[in-house]
């Protein structure tokens, strides 16, 4: 019986370690790796596999150390507006076009014209590009809100929608609206960031009040 239970933990540990190798940022890697190590520790206890226990206990401590570093690291965020013809923004969009299209398949660079456009700088690196059309009623209808994979730890979203709330209000924004969301990962981001499904003009859109 114990061997059967142990095998389940072994499979869980293996699965988590495999997932940790394919995720796209360090935070996810550390969490999946930690869960895998914990499962291997339980597996080792059931089977009295001391070398496996020692190895994964050490790896778990290493993961915890780096998780603490990630969560306590002081980073510099800055928001910079840009116009439609900004070359650096255009090059950024061109370079990451394939991934952008996976999250915003209806986006075209021409839609930047007349929008509220800005990039988020994270430790002197462009981490995010944002563009929204401003409606007379204060709705900012998002055309693009793309974050680089390595920075998808929700900190950019917190910076835009919480720390830069006064900036958005100064632009006349009363709420952020997503009219078309097709990517599951993006839906998860919206839910974590406080967006909720609401009926807007007969459509179910993701909305966040500012």
N, C-alpha and C. Protein backbone atom coordinates (compact mmCIF):
# COMPACT_ATOMS: atom_id res chain seq x y z
N UNK A 1 0.82 -1.22 0.00
CA UNK A 1 0.00 0.00 0.00
C UNK A 1 0.86 1.27 0.00
N UNK A 2 1.89 1.28 0.88
CA UNK A 2 2.76 2.45 0.94
C UNK A 2 3.50 2.67 -0.36
N UNK A 3 3.92 1.56 -1.00
CA UNK A 3 4.63 1.68 -2.27
C UNK A 3 3.72 2.27 -3.35
N UNK A 4 2.44 1.90 -3.32
CA UNK A 4 1.51 2.43 -4.30
C UNK A 4 1.31 3.93 -4.10
N UNK A 5 1.14 4.35 -2.84
CA UNK A 5 1.00 5.78 -2.54
C UNK A 5 2.27 6.53 -2.93
N UNK A 6 3.42 5.93 -2.62
CA UNK A 6 4.70 6.56 -2.94
C UNK A 6 4.84 6.77 -4.44
N UNK A 7 4.36 5.81 -5.23
CA UNK A 7 4.48 5.93 -6.69
C UNK A 7 3.72 7.14 -7.21
N UNK A 8 2.56 7.45 -6.59
CA UNK A 8 1.79 8.62 -7.00
C UNK A 8 2.59 9.90 -6.76
N UNK A 9 3.24 9.97 -5.60
CA UNK A 9 4.08 11.14 -5.32
C UNK A 9 5.27 11.21 -6.28
N UNK A 10 5.78 10.06 -6.65
CA UNK A 10 6.89 10.02 -7.61
C UNK A 10 6.47 10.56 -8.96
N UNK A 11 5.27 10.15 -9.41
CA UNK A 11 4.76 10.65 -10.69
C UNK A 11 4.50 12.15 -10.62
N UNK A 12 3.91 12.60 -9.49
CA UNK A 12 3.65 14.03 -9.32
C UNK A 12 4.94 14.83 -9.35
N UNK A 13 5.96 14.33 -8.65
CA UNK A 13 7.25 15.02 -8.61
C UNK A 13 7.86 15.11 -10.00
N UNK A 14 7.81 14.02 -10.74
CA UNK A 14 8.38 14.00 -12.09
C UNK A 14 7.65 14.99 -12.99
N UNK A 15 6.32 15.01 -12.88
CA UNK A 15 5.52 15.92 -13.70
C UNK A 15 5.86 17.38 -13.40
N UNK A 16 5.96 17.71 -12.11
CA UNK A 16 6.27 19.09 -11.72
C UNK A 16 7.66 19.51 -12.20
N UNK A 17 8.61 18.62 -12.12
CA UNK A 17 9.97 18.94 -12.56
C UNK A 17 10.02 19.13 -14.06
N UNK A 18 9.27 18.33 -14.80
CA UNK A 18 9.21 18.50 -16.26
C UNK A 18 8.58 19.85 -16.61
N UNK A 19 7.46 20.18 -15.93
CA UNK A 19 6.79 21.46 -16.18
C UNK A 19 7.72 22.63 -15.86
N UNK A 20 8.50 22.49 -14.79
CA UNK A 20 9.40 23.58 -14.39
C UNK A 20 10.42 23.90 -15.47
N UNK A 21 10.73 22.92 -16.31
CA UNK A 21 11.72 23.12 -17.37
C UNK A 21 11.16 23.78 -18.62
N UNK A 22 9.82 23.85 -18.71
CA UNK A 22 9.22 24.42 -19.93
C UNK A 22 8.48 25.74 -19.67
N UNK A 23 8.32 26.13 -18.40
CA UNK A 23 7.65 27.40 -18.13
C UNK A 23 8.55 28.56 -18.56
N UNK A 24 7.91 29.75 -18.70
CA UNK A 24 8.63 30.84 -19.34
C UNK A 24 9.13 31.94 -18.41
N UNK A 25 9.11 31.72 -17.11
CA UNK A 25 9.77 32.70 -16.25
C UNK A 25 10.30 32.03 -14.98
N UNK A 26 11.21 32.72 -14.33
CA UNK A 26 11.94 32.13 -13.20
C UNK A 26 11.03 31.85 -12.01
N UNK A 27 10.02 32.69 -11.80
CA UNK A 27 9.11 32.50 -10.67
C UNK A 27 8.36 31.17 -10.80
N UNK A 28 7.79 30.92 -11.97
CA UNK A 28 7.06 29.67 -12.19
C UNK A 28 8.01 28.48 -12.08
N UNK A 29 9.22 28.64 -12.63
CA UNK A 29 10.21 27.57 -12.54
C UNK A 29 10.47 27.19 -11.10
N UNK A 30 10.69 28.19 -10.23
CA UNK A 30 11.01 27.91 -8.83
C UNK A 30 9.83 27.26 -8.10
N UNK A 31 8.60 27.70 -8.40
CA UNK A 31 7.44 27.13 -7.71
C UNK A 31 7.21 25.68 -8.12
N UNK A 32 7.22 25.41 -9.42
CA UNK A 32 7.02 24.03 -9.87
C UNK A 32 8.15 23.13 -9.39
N UNK A 33 9.37 23.65 -9.42
CA UNK A 33 10.50 22.87 -8.96
C UNK A 33 10.39 22.56 -7.47
N UNK A 34 9.92 23.54 -6.70
CA UNK A 34 9.74 23.34 -5.26
C UNK A 34 8.69 22.28 -4.96
N UNK A 35 7.57 22.35 -5.69
CA UNK A 35 6.51 21.34 -5.50
C UNK A 35 7.03 19.95 -5.86
N UNK A 36 7.82 19.89 -6.94
CA UNK A 36 8.42 18.62 -7.33
C UNK A 36 9.35 18.07 -6.26
N UNK A 37 10.15 18.96 -5.67
CA UNK A 37 11.06 18.54 -4.60
C UNK A 37 10.29 18.04 -3.38
N UNK A 38 9.21 18.74 -3.02
CA UNK A 38 8.40 18.31 -1.89
C UNK A 38 7.79 16.93 -2.13
N UNK A 39 7.30 16.72 -3.35
CA UNK A 39 6.71 15.42 -3.68
C UNK A 39 7.78 14.33 -3.62
N UNK A 40 8.99 14.63 -4.09
CA UNK A 40 10.08 13.65 -4.03
C UNK A 40 10.48 13.36 -2.58
N UNK A 41 10.41 14.37 -1.72
CA UNK A 41 10.73 14.16 -0.30
C UNK A 41 9.74 13.19 0.33
N UNK A 42 8.43 13.40 0.04
CA UNK A 42 7.42 12.48 0.55
C UNK A 42 7.65 11.08 -0.01
N UNK A 43 7.95 11.01 -1.29
CA UNK A 43 8.24 9.74 -1.97
C UNK A 43 9.40 9.03 -1.27
N UNK A 44 10.45 9.81 -0.96
CA UNK A 44 11.63 9.23 -0.33
C UNK A 44 11.34 8.75 1.09
N UNK A 45 10.49 9.48 1.82
CA UNK A 45 10.13 9.07 3.18
C UNK A 45 9.39 7.74 3.17
N UNK A 46 8.44 7.59 2.24
CA UNK A 46 7.67 6.35 2.14
C UNK A 46 8.57 5.16 1.83
N UNK A 47 9.58 5.38 0.99
CA UNK A 47 10.44 4.27 0.55
C UNK A 47 11.76 4.21 1.31
N UNK A 48 11.94 5.10 2.28
CA UNK A 48 13.20 5.18 3.04
C UNK A 48 14.40 5.35 2.12
N UNK A 49 14.20 6.17 1.08
CA UNK A 49 15.28 6.44 0.11
C UNK A 49 16.04 7.68 0.57
N UNK A 50 16.98 7.48 1.44
CA UNK A 50 17.70 8.59 2.09
C UNK A 50 18.43 9.50 1.09
N UNK A 51 19.15 8.94 0.10
CA UNK A 51 19.83 9.83 -0.85
C UNK A 51 18.87 10.75 -1.60
N UNK A 52 17.70 10.21 -2.01
CA UNK A 52 16.69 11.03 -2.69
C UNK A 52 16.16 12.10 -1.74
N UNK A 53 15.95 11.74 -0.49
CA UNK A 53 15.47 12.68 0.51
C UNK A 53 16.46 13.83 0.71
N UNK A 54 17.73 13.49 0.89
CA UNK A 54 18.76 14.52 1.13
C UNK A 54 18.89 15.45 -0.07
N UNK A 55 18.96 14.86 -1.26
CA UNK A 55 19.13 15.65 -2.48
C UNK A 55 17.99 16.65 -2.66
N UNK A 56 16.75 16.19 -2.52
CA UNK A 56 15.61 17.07 -2.75
C UNK A 56 15.40 18.06 -1.62
N UNK A 57 15.81 17.71 -0.40
CA UNK A 57 15.75 18.67 0.69
C UNK A 57 16.70 19.84 0.42
N UNK A 58 17.89 19.52 -0.10
CA UNK A 58 18.86 20.57 -0.45
C UNK A 58 18.32 21.44 -1.58
N UNK A 59 17.76 20.79 -2.62
CA UNK A 59 17.20 21.52 -3.76
C UNK A 59 16.03 22.40 -3.34
N UNK A 60 15.22 21.91 -2.41
CA UNK A 60 14.09 22.70 -1.92
C UNK A 60 14.58 23.95 -1.20
N UNK A 61 15.62 23.80 -0.39
CA UNK A 61 16.20 24.96 0.30
C UNK A 61 16.73 25.99 -0.69
N UNK A 62 17.37 25.50 -1.76
CA UNK A 62 17.88 26.41 -2.80
C UNK A 62 16.72 27.16 -3.46
N UNK A 63 15.63 26.42 -3.78
CA UNK A 63 14.47 27.06 -4.40
C UNK A 63 13.84 28.10 -3.49
N UNK A 64 13.73 27.79 -2.21
CA UNK A 64 13.16 28.73 -1.25
C UNK A 64 14.01 30.00 -1.18
N UNK A 65 15.33 29.82 -1.19
CA UNK A 65 16.25 30.96 -1.17
C UNK A 65 16.00 31.88 -2.36
N UNK A 66 15.89 31.30 -3.56
CA UNK A 66 15.68 32.12 -4.76
C UNK A 66 14.27 32.70 -4.82
N UNK A 67 13.29 31.99 -4.29
CA UNK A 67 11.94 32.55 -4.23
C UNK A 67 11.90 33.77 -3.32
N UNK A 68 12.60 33.71 -2.19
CA UNK A 68 12.68 34.86 -1.29
C UNK A 68 13.36 36.04 -1.99
N UNK A 69 14.40 35.75 -2.78
CA UNK A 69 15.08 36.81 -3.51
C UNK A 69 14.15 37.46 -4.52
N UNK A 70 13.35 36.63 -5.21
CA UNK A 70 12.43 37.16 -6.22
C UNK A 70 11.38 38.06 -5.57
N UNK A 71 10.82 37.59 -4.46
CA UNK A 71 9.72 38.34 -3.83
C UNK A 71 10.20 39.57 -3.07
N UNK A 72 11.46 39.61 -2.68
CA UNK A 72 11.96 40.76 -1.92
C UNK A 72 12.83 41.69 -2.76
N UNK A 73 13.05 41.33 -4.02
CA UNK A 73 13.90 42.14 -4.89
C UNK A 73 13.27 43.49 -5.17
N UNK A 74 14.05 44.55 -5.03
CA UNK A 74 13.59 45.90 -5.33
C UNK A 74 13.85 46.18 -6.82
N UNK A 75 12.78 46.45 -7.55
CA UNK A 75 12.91 46.72 -8.98
C UNK A 75 12.41 48.13 -9.29
N UNK A 76 12.97 48.69 -10.35
CA UNK A 76 12.58 50.03 -10.77
C UNK A 76 11.62 49.94 -11.95
N UNK A 77 10.41 50.47 -11.77
CA UNK A 77 9.42 50.51 -12.84
C UNK A 77 9.21 51.95 -13.29
N UNK A 78 9.03 52.12 -14.59
CA UNK A 78 8.79 53.46 -15.12
C UNK A 78 7.85 53.35 -16.32
N UNK A 79 6.97 54.31 -16.45
CA UNK A 79 6.02 54.33 -17.56
C UNK A 79 6.38 55.47 -18.51
N UNK A 80 6.51 55.15 -19.79
CA UNK A 80 6.88 56.14 -20.79
C UNK A 80 5.88 56.13 -21.94
N UNK A 81 5.27 57.28 -22.20
CA UNK A 81 4.34 57.38 -23.32
C UNK A 81 5.10 57.42 -24.65
N UNK A 82 4.40 57.01 -25.71
CA UNK A 82 4.99 57.13 -27.04
C UNK A 82 3.89 57.37 -28.06
N UNK A 83 4.29 57.91 -29.22
CA UNK A 83 3.35 58.17 -30.31
C UNK A 83 3.38 57.01 -31.31
N UNK A 84 2.50 57.05 -32.26
CA UNK A 84 2.35 55.98 -33.25
C UNK A 84 3.65 55.71 -34.01
N UNK A 85 4.42 56.76 -34.30
CA UNK A 85 5.60 56.61 -35.15
C UNK A 85 6.89 56.40 -34.36
N UNK A 86 6.82 56.05 -33.08
CA UNK A 86 8.01 55.82 -32.27
C UNK A 86 8.74 54.58 -32.79
N UNK A 87 9.98 54.74 -33.22
CA UNK A 87 10.71 53.64 -33.87
C UNK A 87 11.01 52.49 -32.91
N UNK A 88 11.38 52.82 -31.68
CA UNK A 88 11.73 51.76 -30.73
C UNK A 88 10.51 50.88 -30.45
N UNK A 89 9.35 51.51 -30.28
CA UNK A 89 8.13 50.75 -30.05
C UNK A 89 7.79 49.88 -31.26
N UNK A 90 7.97 50.43 -32.44
CA UNK A 90 7.68 49.67 -33.66
C UNK A 90 8.62 48.47 -33.79
N UNK A 91 9.88 48.66 -33.46
CA UNK A 91 10.84 47.55 -33.52
C UNK A 91 10.48 46.48 -32.49
N UNK A 92 10.06 46.90 -31.31
CA UNK A 92 9.64 45.97 -30.26
C UNK A 92 8.47 45.12 -30.75
N UNK A 93 7.48 45.76 -31.34
CA UNK A 93 6.31 45.04 -31.85
C UNK A 93 6.70 44.09 -32.96
N UNK A 94 7.55 44.54 -33.86
CA UNK A 94 8.00 43.68 -34.97
C UNK A 94 8.74 42.45 -34.45
N UNK A 95 9.59 42.66 -33.46
CA UNK A 95 10.42 41.56 -32.96
C UNK A 95 9.59 40.50 -32.26
N UNK A 96 8.57 40.94 -31.50
CA UNK A 96 7.75 40.00 -30.73
C UNK A 96 6.38 39.75 -31.37
N UNK A 97 6.30 40.02 -32.67
CA UNK A 97 5.01 39.97 -33.35
C UNK A 97 4.32 38.61 -33.22
N UNK A 98 5.04 37.53 -33.36
CA UNK A 98 4.43 36.20 -33.31
C UNK A 98 3.75 35.95 -31.96
N UNK A 99 4.44 36.29 -30.87
CA UNK A 99 3.86 36.09 -29.54
C UNK A 99 2.74 37.08 -29.28
N UNK A 100 2.91 38.31 -29.74
CA UNK A 100 1.84 39.32 -29.61
C UNK A 100 0.58 38.82 -30.29
N UNK A 101 0.73 38.25 -31.47
CA UNK A 101 -0.41 37.77 -32.24
C UNK A 101 -1.13 36.63 -31.54
N UNK A 102 -0.40 35.86 -30.70
CA UNK A 102 -1.02 34.77 -29.96
C UNK A 102 -1.95 35.29 -28.86
N UNK A 103 -1.67 36.49 -28.36
CA UNK A 103 -2.49 37.08 -27.31
C UNK A 103 -3.49 38.10 -27.85
N UNK A 104 -3.10 38.80 -28.91
CA UNK A 104 -3.94 39.83 -29.52
C UNK A 104 -4.00 39.61 -31.03
N UNK A 105 -4.71 38.56 -31.47
CA UNK A 105 -4.71 38.21 -32.90
C UNK A 105 -5.33 39.29 -33.79
N UNK A 106 -6.16 40.16 -33.21
CA UNK A 106 -6.78 41.20 -34.03
C UNK A 106 -6.00 42.50 -34.06
N UNK A 107 -4.86 42.53 -33.37
CA UNK A 107 -4.11 43.79 -33.29
C UNK A 107 -3.32 44.06 -34.56
N UNK A 108 -3.34 45.33 -34.99
CA UNK A 108 -2.52 45.81 -36.09
C UNK A 108 -1.82 47.08 -35.62
N UNK A 109 -0.56 47.28 -36.01
CA UNK A 109 0.17 48.48 -35.56
C UNK A 109 -0.55 49.78 -35.88
N UNK A 110 -1.36 49.79 -36.93
CA UNK A 110 -2.09 50.99 -37.29
C UNK A 110 -3.04 51.45 -36.19
N UNK A 111 -3.44 50.51 -35.33
CA UNK A 111 -4.39 50.84 -34.27
C UNK A 111 -3.78 51.71 -33.17
N UNK A 112 -2.45 51.86 -33.19
CA UNK A 112 -1.80 52.73 -32.20
C UNK A 112 -2.16 54.19 -32.42
N UNK A 113 -2.51 54.53 -33.66
CA UNK A 113 -2.80 55.93 -34.00
C UNK A 113 -3.96 56.45 -33.16
N UNK A 114 -3.73 57.54 -32.44
CA UNK A 114 -4.78 58.18 -31.65
C UNK A 114 -5.05 57.53 -30.31
N UNK A 115 -4.36 56.44 -30.01
CA UNK A 115 -4.57 55.73 -28.74
C UNK A 115 -3.70 56.30 -27.63
N UNK A 116 -4.02 55.89 -26.41
CA UNK A 116 -3.12 56.10 -25.27
C UNK A 116 -2.08 54.98 -25.33
N UNK A 117 -0.83 55.33 -25.61
CA UNK A 117 0.23 54.35 -25.79
C UNK A 117 1.36 54.59 -24.80
N UNK A 118 1.83 53.52 -24.19
CA UNK A 118 3.02 53.65 -23.34
C UNK A 118 3.72 52.30 -23.22
N UNK A 119 4.98 52.37 -22.81
CA UNK A 119 5.73 51.16 -22.48
C UNK A 119 6.06 51.20 -21.00
N UNK A 120 6.21 50.02 -20.41
CA UNK A 120 6.64 49.92 -19.02
C UNK A 120 8.09 49.47 -19.02
N UNK A 121 8.94 50.29 -18.42
CA UNK A 121 10.36 49.97 -18.30
C UNK A 121 10.59 49.31 -16.94
N UNK A 122 11.21 48.15 -16.97
CA UNK A 122 11.49 47.42 -15.73
C UNK A 122 12.99 47.21 -15.63
N UNK A 123 13.61 47.92 -14.71
CA UNK A 123 15.08 47.88 -14.59
C UNK A 123 15.75 48.14 -15.94
N UNK A 124 15.34 49.25 -16.58
CA UNK A 124 15.93 49.77 -17.82
C UNK A 124 15.69 48.84 -19.02
N UNK A 125 14.72 47.96 -18.92
CA UNK A 125 14.37 47.07 -20.03
C UNK A 125 12.88 47.22 -20.32
N UNK A 126 12.51 47.29 -21.61
CA UNK A 126 11.09 47.33 -21.96
C UNK A 126 10.47 45.98 -21.61
N UNK A 127 9.54 45.99 -20.65
CA UNK A 127 8.89 44.76 -20.21
C UNK A 127 7.48 44.61 -20.76
N UNK A 128 6.87 45.76 -21.12
CA UNK A 128 5.47 45.73 -21.52
C UNK A 128 5.18 46.88 -22.49
N UNK A 129 4.24 46.63 -23.40
CA UNK A 129 3.75 47.69 -24.28
C UNK A 129 2.23 47.70 -24.20
N UNK A 130 1.67 48.89 -24.03
CA UNK A 130 0.24 49.04 -23.79
C UNK A 130 -0.35 50.07 -24.74
N UNK A 131 -1.53 49.76 -25.26
CA UNK A 131 -2.24 50.71 -26.13
C UNK A 131 -3.74 50.54 -25.92
N UNK A 132 -4.44 51.64 -25.74
CA UNK A 132 -5.89 51.59 -25.54
C UNK A 132 -6.55 52.79 -26.18
N UNK A 133 -7.72 52.56 -26.77
CA UNK A 133 -8.52 53.65 -27.34
C UNK A 133 -9.39 54.23 -26.24
N UNK A 134 -9.37 55.55 -26.09
CA UNK A 134 -10.13 56.21 -25.04
C UNK A 134 -11.50 56.63 -25.56
N UNK A 135 -12.54 56.13 -24.92
CA UNK A 135 -13.91 56.46 -25.29
C UNK A 135 -14.38 57.67 -24.49
N UNK A 136 -15.36 58.43 -25.00
CA UNK A 136 -15.85 59.62 -24.28
C UNK A 136 -16.37 59.33 -22.87
N UNK A 137 -16.85 58.10 -22.64
CA UNK A 137 -17.39 57.76 -21.31
C UNK A 137 -16.32 57.34 -20.31
N UNK A 138 -15.05 57.41 -20.71
CA UNK A 138 -13.96 57.07 -19.80
C UNK A 138 -13.47 55.64 -19.91
N UNK A 139 -14.03 54.88 -20.84
CA UNK A 139 -13.55 53.51 -21.07
C UNK A 139 -12.24 53.54 -21.86
N UNK A 140 -11.25 52.79 -21.36
CA UNK A 140 -10.01 52.59 -22.11
C UNK A 140 -10.09 51.19 -22.70
N UNK A 141 -10.42 51.10 -23.99
CA UNK A 141 -10.63 49.81 -24.63
C UNK A 141 -9.28 49.32 -25.14
N UNK A 142 -8.79 48.25 -24.51
CA UNK A 142 -7.42 47.79 -24.74
C UNK A 142 -7.26 47.17 -26.13
N UNK A 143 -6.29 47.71 -26.86
CA UNK A 143 -5.92 47.12 -28.15
C UNK A 143 -4.72 46.22 -27.99
N UNK A 144 -3.85 46.57 -27.02
CA UNK A 144 -2.63 45.81 -26.80
C UNK A 144 -2.16 46.01 -25.36
N UNK A 145 -1.85 44.91 -24.71
CA UNK A 145 -1.22 44.96 -23.38
C UNK A 145 -0.33 43.72 -23.29
N UNK A 146 0.83 43.83 -23.91
CA UNK A 146 1.71 42.67 -24.07
C UNK A 146 2.92 42.78 -23.15
N UNK A 147 3.15 41.73 -22.37
CA UNK A 147 4.30 41.67 -21.47
C UNK A 147 5.22 40.54 -21.90
N UNK A 148 6.51 40.80 -21.87
CA UNK A 148 7.48 39.76 -22.24
C UNK A 148 7.33 38.54 -21.32
N UNK A 149 7.50 37.33 -21.85
CA UNK A 149 7.31 36.11 -21.05
C UNK A 149 8.07 36.11 -19.72
N UNK A 150 9.30 36.58 -19.71
CA UNK A 150 10.11 36.53 -18.49
C UNK A 150 9.59 37.46 -17.40
N UNK A 151 8.71 38.41 -17.76
CA UNK A 151 8.19 39.36 -16.79
C UNK A 151 6.72 39.11 -16.45
N UNK A 152 6.21 37.93 -16.78
CA UNK A 152 4.80 37.63 -16.51
C UNK A 152 4.60 37.08 -15.10
N UNK A 153 4.92 37.91 -14.13
CA UNK A 153 4.74 37.54 -12.73
C UNK A 153 3.73 38.46 -12.05
N UNK A 154 2.93 39.16 -12.87
CA UNK A 154 1.85 40.05 -12.43
C UNK A 154 2.32 41.38 -11.85
N UNK A 155 3.63 41.59 -11.75
CA UNK A 155 4.12 42.85 -11.20
C UNK A 155 3.86 44.01 -12.15
N UNK A 156 3.96 43.76 -13.46
CA UNK A 156 3.71 44.81 -14.43
C UNK A 156 2.24 45.24 -14.36
N UNK A 157 1.34 44.26 -14.27
CA UNK A 157 -0.08 44.59 -14.16
C UNK A 157 -0.38 45.41 -12.92
N UNK A 158 0.22 45.05 -11.79
CA UNK A 158 0.04 45.80 -10.56
C UNK A 158 0.55 47.23 -10.71
N UNK A 159 1.68 47.38 -11.40
CA UNK A 159 2.26 48.70 -11.62
C UNK A 159 1.32 49.57 -12.46
N UNK A 160 0.80 49.01 -13.56
CA UNK A 160 -0.06 49.79 -14.46
C UNK A 160 -1.39 50.16 -13.80
N UNK A 161 -2.07 49.16 -13.26
CA UNK A 161 -3.45 49.35 -12.81
C UNK A 161 -3.59 49.85 -11.37
N UNK A 162 -2.53 49.72 -10.58
CA UNK A 162 -2.61 50.17 -9.19
C UNK A 162 -1.67 51.36 -8.93
N UNK A 163 -0.38 51.16 -9.15
CA UNK A 163 0.58 52.21 -8.82
C UNK A 163 0.48 53.42 -9.75
N UNK A 164 0.07 53.18 -11.01
CA UNK A 164 -0.08 54.28 -11.96
C UNK A 164 -1.54 54.67 -12.16
N UNK A 165 -2.36 54.39 -11.17
CA UNK A 165 -3.79 54.71 -11.25
C UNK A 165 -4.02 56.21 -11.46
N UNK A 166 -3.24 57.04 -10.77
CA UNK A 166 -3.40 58.50 -10.91
C UNK A 166 -3.08 58.94 -12.33
N UNK A 167 -2.08 58.31 -12.93
CA UNK A 167 -1.74 58.64 -14.32
C UNK A 167 -2.91 58.32 -15.24
N UNK A 168 -3.51 57.14 -15.07
CA UNK A 168 -4.63 56.75 -15.92
C UNK A 168 -5.82 57.69 -15.72
N UNK A 169 -6.08 58.06 -14.47
CA UNK A 169 -7.18 58.99 -14.19
C UNK A 169 -6.92 60.33 -14.86
N UNK A 170 -5.66 60.78 -14.84
CA UNK A 170 -5.32 62.07 -15.46
C UNK A 170 -5.56 62.06 -16.97
N UNK A 171 -5.58 60.86 -17.56
CA UNK A 171 -5.85 60.72 -18.99
C UNK A 171 -7.35 60.55 -19.28
N UNK A 172 -8.15 60.64 -18.22
CA UNK A 172 -9.59 60.52 -18.39
C UNK A 172 -10.11 59.11 -18.33
N UNK A 173 -9.27 58.16 -17.89
CA UNK A 173 -9.68 56.75 -17.83
C UNK A 173 -10.48 56.50 -16.55
N UNK A 174 -11.65 55.89 -16.72
CA UNK A 174 -12.48 55.51 -15.58
C UNK A 174 -12.49 53.99 -15.38
N UNK A 175 -12.31 53.27 -16.47
CA UNK A 175 -12.22 51.82 -16.36
C UNK A 175 -11.49 51.26 -17.57
N UNK A 176 -10.83 50.12 -17.35
CA UNK A 176 -10.12 49.41 -18.41
C UNK A 176 -11.03 48.31 -18.93
N UNK A 177 -11.13 48.22 -20.26
CA UNK A 177 -12.05 47.26 -20.87
C UNK A 177 -11.32 46.39 -21.89
N UNK A 178 -11.49 45.08 -21.77
CA UNK A 178 -11.01 44.13 -22.76
C UNK A 178 -12.22 43.58 -23.51
N UNK A 179 -12.32 43.93 -24.79
CA UNK A 179 -13.49 43.51 -25.57
C UNK A 179 -13.32 42.14 -26.20
N UNK A 180 -12.09 41.66 -26.28
CA UNK A 180 -11.87 40.37 -26.94
C UNK A 180 -10.63 39.70 -26.35
N UNK A 181 -10.84 38.64 -25.58
CA UNK A 181 -9.72 37.91 -24.97
C UNK A 181 -9.81 36.46 -25.41
N UNK A 182 -8.77 35.97 -26.08
CA UNK A 182 -8.81 34.61 -26.64
C UNK A 182 -7.79 33.68 -26.00
N UNK A 183 -6.79 34.23 -25.31
CA UNK A 183 -5.72 33.41 -24.76
C UNK A 183 -6.00 33.08 -23.30
N UNK A 184 -5.96 31.78 -22.95
CA UNK A 184 -6.26 31.36 -21.58
C UNK A 184 -5.31 31.99 -20.56
N UNK A 185 -4.02 32.06 -20.92
CA UNK A 185 -3.06 32.67 -20.01
C UNK A 185 -3.39 34.13 -19.75
N UNK A 186 -3.91 34.81 -20.76
CA UNK A 186 -4.28 36.22 -20.59
C UNK A 186 -5.52 36.34 -19.71
N UNK A 187 -6.46 35.41 -19.85
CA UNK A 187 -7.65 35.41 -19.00
C UNK A 187 -7.24 35.23 -17.54
N UNK A 188 -6.29 34.34 -17.28
CA UNK A 188 -5.79 34.14 -15.91
C UNK A 188 -5.19 35.42 -15.36
N UNK A 189 -4.43 36.13 -16.20
CA UNK A 189 -3.82 37.40 -15.80
C UNK A 189 -4.89 38.42 -15.44
N UNK A 190 -5.94 38.50 -16.26
CA UNK A 190 -7.00 39.48 -16.00
C UNK A 190 -7.71 39.19 -14.69
N UNK A 191 -7.97 37.92 -14.42
CA UNK A 191 -8.66 37.56 -13.17
C UNK A 191 -7.81 37.90 -11.96
N UNK A 192 -6.50 37.59 -12.04
CA UNK A 192 -5.59 37.93 -10.94
C UNK A 192 -5.50 39.44 -10.74
N UNK A 193 -5.60 40.19 -11.85
CA UNK A 193 -5.47 41.66 -11.80
C UNK A 193 -6.76 42.36 -11.43
N UNK A 194 -7.82 41.60 -11.13
CA UNK A 194 -9.05 42.21 -10.64
C UNK A 194 -10.10 42.52 -11.69
N UNK A 195 -9.91 42.03 -12.92
CA UNK A 195 -10.92 42.22 -13.97
C UNK A 195 -12.07 41.23 -13.77
N UNK A 196 -13.27 41.68 -14.09
CA UNK A 196 -14.44 40.81 -13.98
C UNK A 196 -15.25 40.90 -15.27
N UNK A 197 -15.97 39.83 -15.58
CA UNK A 197 -16.84 39.83 -16.76
C UNK A 197 -18.09 40.67 -16.47
N UNK A 198 -18.36 41.63 -17.36
CA UNK A 198 -19.56 42.45 -17.23
C UNK A 198 -20.23 42.59 -18.60
N UNK A 199 -21.51 42.87 -18.54
CA UNK A 199 -22.25 43.11 -19.77
C UNK A 199 -22.07 44.56 -20.17
N UNK A 200 -21.42 44.76 -21.32
CA UNK A 200 -21.19 46.10 -21.84
C UNK A 200 -21.79 46.18 -23.24
N UNK A 201 -22.86 46.96 -23.36
CA UNK A 201 -23.56 47.11 -24.64
C UNK A 201 -23.94 45.75 -25.24
N UNK A 202 -24.38 44.86 -24.36
CA UNK A 202 -24.83 43.55 -24.82
C UNK A 202 -23.74 42.53 -25.01
N UNK A 203 -22.48 42.89 -24.67
CA UNK A 203 -21.34 41.99 -24.81
C UNK A 203 -20.73 41.67 -23.45
N UNK A 204 -20.22 40.45 -23.29
CA UNK A 204 -19.53 40.06 -22.07
C UNK A 204 -18.05 40.40 -22.20
N UNK A 205 -17.64 41.49 -21.55
CA UNK A 205 -16.27 41.96 -21.64
C UNK A 205 -15.63 41.96 -20.25
N UNK A 206 -14.29 41.87 -20.23
CA UNK A 206 -13.55 41.95 -18.97
C UNK A 206 -13.32 43.42 -18.64
N UNK A 207 -13.70 43.81 -17.42
CA UNK A 207 -13.68 45.23 -17.04
C UNK A 207 -13.04 45.39 -15.66
N UNK A 208 -12.28 46.47 -15.52
CA UNK A 208 -11.71 46.82 -14.21
C UNK A 208 -11.90 48.32 -13.99
N UNK A 209 -12.54 48.69 -12.89
CA UNK A 209 -12.73 50.10 -12.55
C UNK A 209 -11.41 50.68 -12.04
N UNK A 210 -11.18 51.94 -12.38
CA UNK A 210 -9.97 52.63 -11.93
C UNK A 210 -10.31 53.55 -10.75
